[in-house]
Amino acid sequence: MFREYARHLVGDRGLRQNTVQTYYRYISAWGGWCVNEGYLEAHYAQRASAMAPLPEDDGRKPGDQQAWTSEQRHELTRHVDERARDAVEAYMTLPEEDTDPLDKQRARYEALKAARDRALVFVLAYTAVRVGELLQDPNDPRRRGVRWEDIALDDGSMDVYRKKQQWDAASLPDPVISPLRSYRKLMDPPTDRWPVFPTFDQRTLAGLVQDELAERGKRPEAITERREDHARDLLLAIEEDIRPPSITTDGARSILQRLSEATEIDIDHPKHDYLAPHGGRRGMGEVLVRAFGYTVAARYLDNSEEMVRERYSHIEAGELGDVATEALSEIDSI
């Protein structure tokens, strides 16, 4: 039974290695309790045959996983903010009379892309929401990406489908509100059911626009004419209310790779040569634990306090080291 459960965890479910290990440890701990209480004669979950399907432990400790530092967070958010401001200003200041309509559309497209990237970076940097809760996950149809109807900017909250398999409200701190508000105003989505972070992939949008207009009864030549009137299919999709899919979790990683290279941020990590999405969440966890302790951090991160203590145990170890150093100094001064 335990071996079959291990196979189930490592199957085609999209679970990460550390998640598989964590889930199996839960069941293994239950098995140990059953042995202590006399319900099982042996700890079957710990037998080599039961654990054989599990991935090997890579030996990394929680503190070894990437977490954005304050300097990295500041440099990345400053870069995307400047980039978005410049793109929006370039679009808004184009003269109406002397500008070709397609050139105006291209400028709007570039402004939208820069504003979307800025909003995405700020959300990942400050909300500590898991990237799989924010964007489309191809391995889970329930995770279709956050839509505008899920966000209440005035209340500073956002509904996300949590890892615990239920909808819950996540906080939107002040630094996130302005990028989201200006981005929404620039996009002006046809309905609140539009994704907050739609894909800008041209091949995906081209196929989507052509198929949707064909289903609405448009002839091929009419579709071609409509597309030629727009510099990008995304702009046609907005005009015709053809809802695109959200970017995927892999798409977010590609965006952050591109932005990290553009900013030339100093990144020293054995696994990632860019600021990965999960690093934003762990970086906020570091800030919260150091500023307010494990209980508050656990609530913000949507985790148990025990798990937060485990993942950020290096912080407590460092603080205890400072206490020991101070104690030794006092003893030596006597």
Protein backbone atom coordinates (compact mmCIF):
# COMPACT_ATOMS: atom_id res chain seq x y z
CA MET A 1 0.00 0.00 0.00
CA PHE A 2 2.78 2.46 0.89
CA ARG A 3 4.71 1.58 -2.25
CA GLU A 4 1.60 2.21 -4.36
CA TYR A 5 1.15 5.61 -2.67
CA ALA A 6 4.77 6.48 -3.44
CA ARG A 7 4.16 5.59 -7.09
CA HIS A 8 1.03 7.77 -7.05
CA LEU A 9 3.04 10.77 -5.78
CA VAL A 10 5.76 10.51 -8.42
CA GLY A 11 3.26 9.93 -11.23
CA ASP A 12 2.17 12.52 -13.78
CA ARG A 13 0.79 14.97 -11.20
CA GLY A 14 3.28 17.82 -11.59
CA LEU A 15 4.49 17.63 -7.98
CA ARG A 16 7.96 18.91 -7.18
CA GLN A 17 10.56 16.68 -5.58
CA ASN A 18 10.37 18.31 -2.15
CA THR A 19 6.55 18.20 -2.24
CA VAL A 20 6.61 14.47 -2.94
CA GLN A 21 8.97 13.93 -0.01
CA THR A 22 6.79 16.06 2.28
CA TYR A 23 3.55 14.25 1.40
CA TYR A 24 5.15 10.86 1.93
CA ARG A 25 6.57 11.95 5.28
CA TYR A 26 3.03 12.80 6.43
CA ILE A 27 1.84 9.24 5.73
CA SER A 28 5.06 7.77 7.10
CA ALA A 29 4.57 9.66 10.36
CA TRP A 30 1.04 8.24 10.60
CA GLY A 31 2.48 4.76 10.02
CA GLY A 32 4.93 5.30 12.87
CA TRP A 33 2.07 6.29 15.18
CA CYS A 34 0.20 3.11 14.19
CA VAL A 35 3.25 1.03 15.18
CA ASN A 36 3.54 2.79 18.54
CA GLU A 37 -0.17 2.27 19.26
CA GLY A 38 -0.10 -1.39 18.24
CA TYR A 39 -2.22 -1.10 15.10
CA LEU A 40 0.66 -2.17 12.83
CA GLU A 41 3.30 -4.76 13.61
CA ALA A 42 6.02 -3.02 11.62
CA HIS A 43 6.79 0.42 10.13
CA TYR A 44 6.05 -0.60 6.55
CA ALA A 45 6.30 2.96 5.21
CA GLN A 46 10.02 3.06 6.06
CA ARG A 47 10.91 -0.17 4.28
CA ALA A 48 13.21 0.17 1.28
CA SER A 49 10.70 -1.56 -1.00
CA ALA A 50 8.00 0.96 -0.07
CA MET A 51 10.23 4.03 -0.55
CA ALA A 52 11.94 2.83 -3.73
CA PRO A 53 9.69 4.86 -6.13
CA LEU A 54 10.40 8.13 -4.29
CA PRO A 55 12.94 10.60 -5.73
CA GLU A 56 16.27 10.72 -3.98
CA ASP A 57 16.84 13.51 -1.48
CA ASP A 58 19.09 16.10 -3.12
CA GLY A 59 20.51 17.03 0.27
CA ARG A 60 19.51 20.68 0.04
CA LYS A 61 18.37 22.36 3.22
CA PRO A 62 15.54 24.92 3.22
CA GLY A 63 18.00 27.76 3.71
CA ASP A 64 19.89 26.64 0.60
CA GLN A 65 16.91 27.37 -1.66
CA GLN A 66 16.88 30.63 -3.58
CA ALA A 67 15.39 33.66 -1.83
CA TRP A 68 15.49 37.12 -3.36
CA THR A 69 17.58 39.46 -1.26
CA SER A 70 16.41 43.01 -0.52
CA GLU A 71 18.98 44.32 -3.01
CA GLN A 72 17.83 41.93 -5.75
CA ARG A 73 14.17 42.74 -5.11
CA HIS A 74 14.86 46.48 -5.24
CA GLU A 75 16.96 46.26 -8.40
CA LEU A 76 14.45 44.10 -10.28
CA THR A 77 11.38 46.14 -9.29
CA ARG A 78 13.20 49.39 -10.09
CA HIS A 79 14.12 48.06 -13.54
CA VAL A 80 10.60 46.95 -14.49
CA ASP A 81 9.12 50.16 -13.08
CA GLU A 82 11.40 52.37 -15.17
CA ARG A 83 10.81 50.22 -18.24
CA ALA A 84 7.03 50.42 -17.87
CA ARG A 85 7.06 54.17 -17.21
CA ASP A 86 9.13 54.81 -20.32
CA ALA A 87 6.93 52.58 -22.51
CA VAL A 88 3.67 54.11 -21.25
CA GLU A 89 5.01 57.66 -21.67
CA ALA A 90 6.18 56.88 -25.21
CA TYR A 91 2.69 55.63 -26.06
CA MET A 92 0.74 58.41 -24.36
CA THR A 93 2.80 61.23 -25.85
CA LEU A 94 2.48 60.16 -29.48
CA PRO A 95 0.71 62.92 -31.47
CA GLU A 96 -2.68 61.79 -32.77
CA GLU A 97 -2.56 63.60 -36.13
CA ASP A 98 0.97 62.76 -37.26
CA THR A 99 1.14 59.14 -36.06
CA ASP A 100 0.27 56.15 -38.21
CA PRO A 101 -2.50 54.10 -36.53
CA LEU A 102 -0.41 50.93 -36.65
CA ASP A 103 2.53 52.74 -35.04
CA LYS A 104 0.19 53.91 -32.29
CA GLN A 105 -0.95 50.33 -31.78
CA ARG A 106 2.62 49.06 -31.63
CA ALA A 107 3.42 51.61 -28.95
CA ARG A 108 0.36 50.55 -26.95
CA TYR A 109 1.37 46.90 -27.28
CA GLU A 110 4.87 47.60 -25.95
CA ALA A 111 3.39 49.62 -23.08
CA LEU A 112 0.98 46.79 -22.23
CA LYS A 113 3.77 44.22 -22.23
CA ALA A 114 6.01 46.34 -20.01
CA ALA A 115 3.11 47.10 -17.65
CA ARG A 116 2.17 43.41 -17.45
CA ASP A 117 5.75 42.44 -16.64
CA ARG A 118 5.95 45.14 -13.97
CA ALA A 119 2.71 44.02 -12.33
CA LEU A 120 3.82 40.38 -12.40
CA VAL A 121 7.20 41.13 -10.81
CA PHE A 122 5.65 43.28 -8.07
CA VAL A 123 3.07 40.60 -7.23
CA LEU A 124 5.72 37.88 -7.06
CA ALA A 125 8.07 40.11 -5.06
CA TYR A 126 5.65 41.34 -2.39
CA THR A 127 2.63 39.04 -2.02
CA ALA A 128 4.45 35.72 -1.41
CA VAL A 129 1.75 34.01 -3.49
CA ARG A 130 2.90 30.75 -5.08
CA VAL A 131 3.40 31.12 -8.83
CA GLY A 132 1.12 28.10 -9.37
CA GLU A 133 -1.65 29.94 -7.52
CA LEU A 134 -1.23 33.05 -9.65
CA LEU A 135 -0.87 31.70 -13.19
CA GLN A 136 -2.09 28.88 -15.38
CA ASP A 137 -0.77 25.45 -14.48
CA PRO A 138 -1.02 23.06 -17.48
CA ASN A 139 -0.99 20.11 -15.06
CA ASP A 140 -4.05 21.33 -13.12
CA PRO A 141 -7.15 22.59 -14.99
CA ARG A 142 -8.43 24.25 -11.80
CA ARG A 143 -5.51 26.67 -11.91
CA ARG A 144 -6.55 28.83 -14.86
CA GLY A 145 -4.72 31.95 -13.68
CA VAL A 146 -5.98 34.91 -11.66
CA ARG A 147 -8.65 36.99 -13.38
CA TRP A 148 -9.59 40.62 -12.79
CA GLU A 149 -12.78 39.47 -11.07
CA ASP A 150 -10.56 37.82 -8.43
CA ILE A 151 -8.83 41.09 -7.50
CA ALA A 152 -10.20 43.82 -5.21
CA LEU A 153 -7.72 46.68 -5.46
CA ASP A 154 -9.66 48.94 -3.09
CA ASP A 155 -9.65 46.22 -0.42
CA GLY A 156 -6.07 45.12 -1.14
CA SER A 157 -6.95 41.45 -1.61
CA MET A 158 -6.84 38.76 -4.28
CA ASP A 159 -8.64 35.41 -4.40
CA VAL A 160 -6.34 32.52 -5.37
CA TYR A 161 -6.72 28.75 -5.54
CA ARG A 162 -4.40 27.67 -2.77
CA LYS A 163 -2.12 24.66 -2.55
CA LYS A 164 -4.53 23.22 0.02
CA GLN A 165 -7.08 22.83 -2.81
CA GLN A 166 -9.46 25.65 -1.90
CA TRP A 167 -10.03 29.32 -2.72
CA ASP A 168 -8.66 31.82 -0.25
CA ALA A 169 -7.88 35.54 -0.05
CA ALA A 170 -4.28 36.72 -0.36
CA SER A 171 -3.10 40.17 0.69
CA LEU A 172 -2.04 42.81 -1.80
CA PRO A 173 0.37 45.18 0.01
CA ASP A 174 0.68 48.83 -0.99
CA PRO A 175 3.64 48.44 -3.41
CA VAL A 176 1.52 46.13 -5.60
CA ILE A 177 -1.62 48.28 -5.88
CA SER A 178 -0.33 51.07 -8.13
CA PRO A 179 1.30 48.79 -10.78
CA LEU A 180 -1.89 46.71 -10.99
CA ARG A 181 -4.18 49.74 -11.13
CA SER A 182 -2.25 51.53 -13.90
CA TYR A 183 -1.87 48.27 -15.84
CA ARG A 184 -5.62 47.61 -15.72
CA LYS A 185 -6.39 51.16 -16.86
CA LEU A 186 -4.02 50.79 -19.82
CA MET A 187 -5.41 47.39 -20.86
CA ASP A 188 -9.07 48.20 -20.18
CA PRO A 189 -10.13 44.52 -20.37
CA PRO A 190 -13.55 43.94 -22.00
CA THR A 191 -14.79 41.97 -18.96
CA ASP A 192 -13.59 41.11 -15.47
CA ARG A 193 -13.23 37.49 -16.57
CA TRP A 194 -10.08 38.35 -18.48
CA PRO A 195 -6.82 37.00 -17.06
CA VAL A 196 -4.70 39.54 -15.23
CA PHE A 197 -1.57 38.16 -16.89
CA PRO A 198 -2.55 37.03 -20.41
CA THR A 199 -0.11 35.39 -22.75
CA PHE A 200 1.51 37.62 -25.37
CA ASP A 201 2.64 34.63 -27.44
CA GLN A 202 1.90 35.57 -31.05
CA ARG A 203 1.35 32.02 -32.32
CA THR A 204 -1.15 31.26 -29.54
CA LEU A 205 -3.04 34.50 -30.05
CA ALA A 206 -3.11 34.19 -33.84
CA GLY A 207 -4.71 30.76 -33.67
CA LEU A 208 -7.14 31.89 -30.98
CA VAL A 209 -8.28 34.97 -32.90
CA GLN A 210 -8.73 33.14 -36.19
CA ASP A 211 -10.66 30.26 -34.63
CA GLU A 212 -12.94 32.51 -32.57
CA LEU A 213 -13.77 34.86 -35.45
CA ALA A 214 -14.46 31.87 -37.70
CA GLU A 215 -16.87 30.49 -35.09
CA ARG A 216 -18.62 33.87 -35.07
CA GLY A 217 -19.31 33.49 -38.80
CA LYS A 218 -16.51 35.63 -40.22
CA ARG A 219 -15.20 34.57 -43.63
CA PRO A 220 -11.42 33.95 -44.05
CA GLU A 221 -10.88 37.11 -46.07
CA ALA A 222 -12.73 39.20 -43.50
CA ILE A 223 -10.62 37.69 -40.70
CA THR A 224 -7.44 38.48 -42.62
CA GLU A 225 -8.60 42.07 -43.14
CA ARG A 226 -9.39 42.50 -39.43
CA ARG A 227 -5.99 41.14 -38.43
CA GLU A 228 -4.19 43.41 -40.88
CA ASP A 229 -5.92 46.40 -39.29
CA HIS A 230 -4.21 45.58 -35.97
CA ALA A 231 -0.50 45.63 -35.24
CA ARG A 232 -0.85 42.69 -32.85
CA ASP A 233 -3.49 39.99 -32.40
CA LEU A 234 -3.65 40.81 -28.69
CA LEU A 235 -5.11 44.23 -29.52
CA LEU A 236 -7.71 42.62 -31.77
CA ALA A 237 -8.54 40.15 -29.00
CA ILE A 238 -9.15 43.04 -26.59
CA GLU A 239 -11.35 44.84 -29.11
CA GLU A 240 -13.40 41.72 -29.92
CA ASP A 241 -13.44 40.31 -26.38
CA ILE A 242 -11.64 37.14 -27.37
CA ARG A 243 -10.30 36.04 -24.01
CA PRO A 244 -6.70 34.72 -24.17
CA PRO A 245 -5.28 32.20 -21.72
CA SER A 246 -3.11 33.24 -18.81
CA ILE A 247 0.62 32.82 -19.09
CA THR A 248 1.83 29.56 -17.58
CA THR A 249 4.20 29.01 -14.70
CA ASP A 250 6.90 28.18 -17.25
CA GLY A 251 6.08 31.43 -19.05
CA ALA A 252 6.69 33.36 -15.83
CA ARG A 253 10.09 31.72 -15.49
CA SER A 254 10.96 32.77 -19.05
CA ILE A 255 9.90 36.36 -18.32
CA LEU A 256 12.02 36.48 -15.17
CA GLN A 257 14.99 35.00 -17.02
CA ARG A 258 14.70 37.74 -19.62
CA LEU A 259 14.35 40.49 -17.01
CA SER A 260 17.19 39.15 -14.87
CA GLU A 261 19.52 39.20 -17.86
CA ALA A 262 18.45 42.73 -18.77
CA THR A 263 19.19 44.06 -15.30
CA GLU A 264 22.46 42.13 -14.91
CA ILE A 265 21.58 41.37 -11.29
CA ASP A 266 24.29 39.60 -9.33
CA ILE A 267 22.94 36.07 -8.71
CA ASP A 268 25.05 33.48 -6.95
CA HIS A 269 23.04 30.28 -6.69
CA PRO A 270 23.92 26.66 -7.56
CA LYS A 271 20.62 25.93 -9.33
CA HIS A 272 19.33 29.20 -10.82
CA ASP A 273 21.19 31.81 -12.82
CA TYR A 274 18.15 34.11 -12.69
CA LEU A 275 15.63 35.30 -10.09
CA ALA A 276 13.17 32.39 -10.10
CA PRO A 277 9.50 32.99 -9.16
CA HIS A 278 9.64 30.93 -5.96
CA GLY A 279 12.58 33.06 -4.82
CA GLY A 280 10.26 36.04 -4.48
CA ARG A 281 8.01 34.10 -2.10
CA ARG A 282 10.94 32.85 -0.02
CA GLY A 283 12.49 36.28 0.03
CA MET A 284 9.28 37.73 1.51
CA GLY A 285 9.26 34.86 3.99
CA GLU A 286 12.73 35.87 5.14
CA VAL A 287 11.59 39.48 5.61
CA LEU A 288 8.47 38.51 7.55
CA VAL A 289 10.19 36.01 9.84
CA ARG A 290 12.94 38.46 10.73
CA ALA A 291 10.52 41.38 11.24
CA PHE A 292 7.48 39.76 12.87
CA GLY A 293 8.36 36.17 13.77
CA TYR A 294 7.16 32.77 12.62
CA THR A 295 3.47 33.08 13.53
CA VAL A 296 2.79 36.18 11.41
CA ALA A 297 4.95 34.85 8.57
CA ALA A 298 3.01 31.57 8.56
CA ARG A 299 -0.30 33.41 8.17
CA TYR A 300 1.00 35.54 5.30
CA LEU A 301 2.65 32.59 3.54
CA ASP A 302 -0.42 30.35 3.97
CA ASN A 303 1.64 27.68 5.73
CA SER A 304 1.68 26.07 9.13
CA GLU A 305 4.00 27.62 11.68
CA GLU A 306 5.84 24.29 11.96
CA MET A 307 6.57 24.26 8.24
CA VAL A 308 7.72 27.89 8.26
CA ARG A 309 10.04 27.15 11.19
CA GLU A 310 11.48 24.22 9.24
CA ARG A 311 11.98 26.15 6.00
CA TYR A 312 13.50 29.18 7.70
CA SER A 313 15.37 27.33 10.43
CA HIS A 314 18.61 28.99 9.29
CA ILE A 315 17.25 32.33 10.57
CA GLU A 316 16.59 30.97 14.05
CA ALA A 317 19.99 29.25 14.03
CA GLY A 318 21.66 32.56 13.20
CA GLU A 319 19.72 34.39 15.91
CA LEU A 320 20.64 31.74 18.46
CA GLY A 321 24.25 32.11 17.38
CA ASP A 322 24.03 35.84 18.12
CA VAL A 323 22.55 35.08 21.54
CA ALA A 324 25.37 32.64 22.26
CA THR A 325 27.96 35.19 21.16
CA GLU A 326 26.43 37.82 23.43
CA ALA A 327 26.32 35.37 26.34
CA LEU A 328 29.99 34.49 25.85
CA SER A 329 30.91 38.16 25.76
CA GLU A 330 29.15 38.78 29.05
CA ILE A 331 30.81 35.77 30.67
CA ASP A 332 34.26 36.81 29.42
CA SER A 333 33.78 40.33 30.79
CA ILE A 334 33.16 39.07 34.32
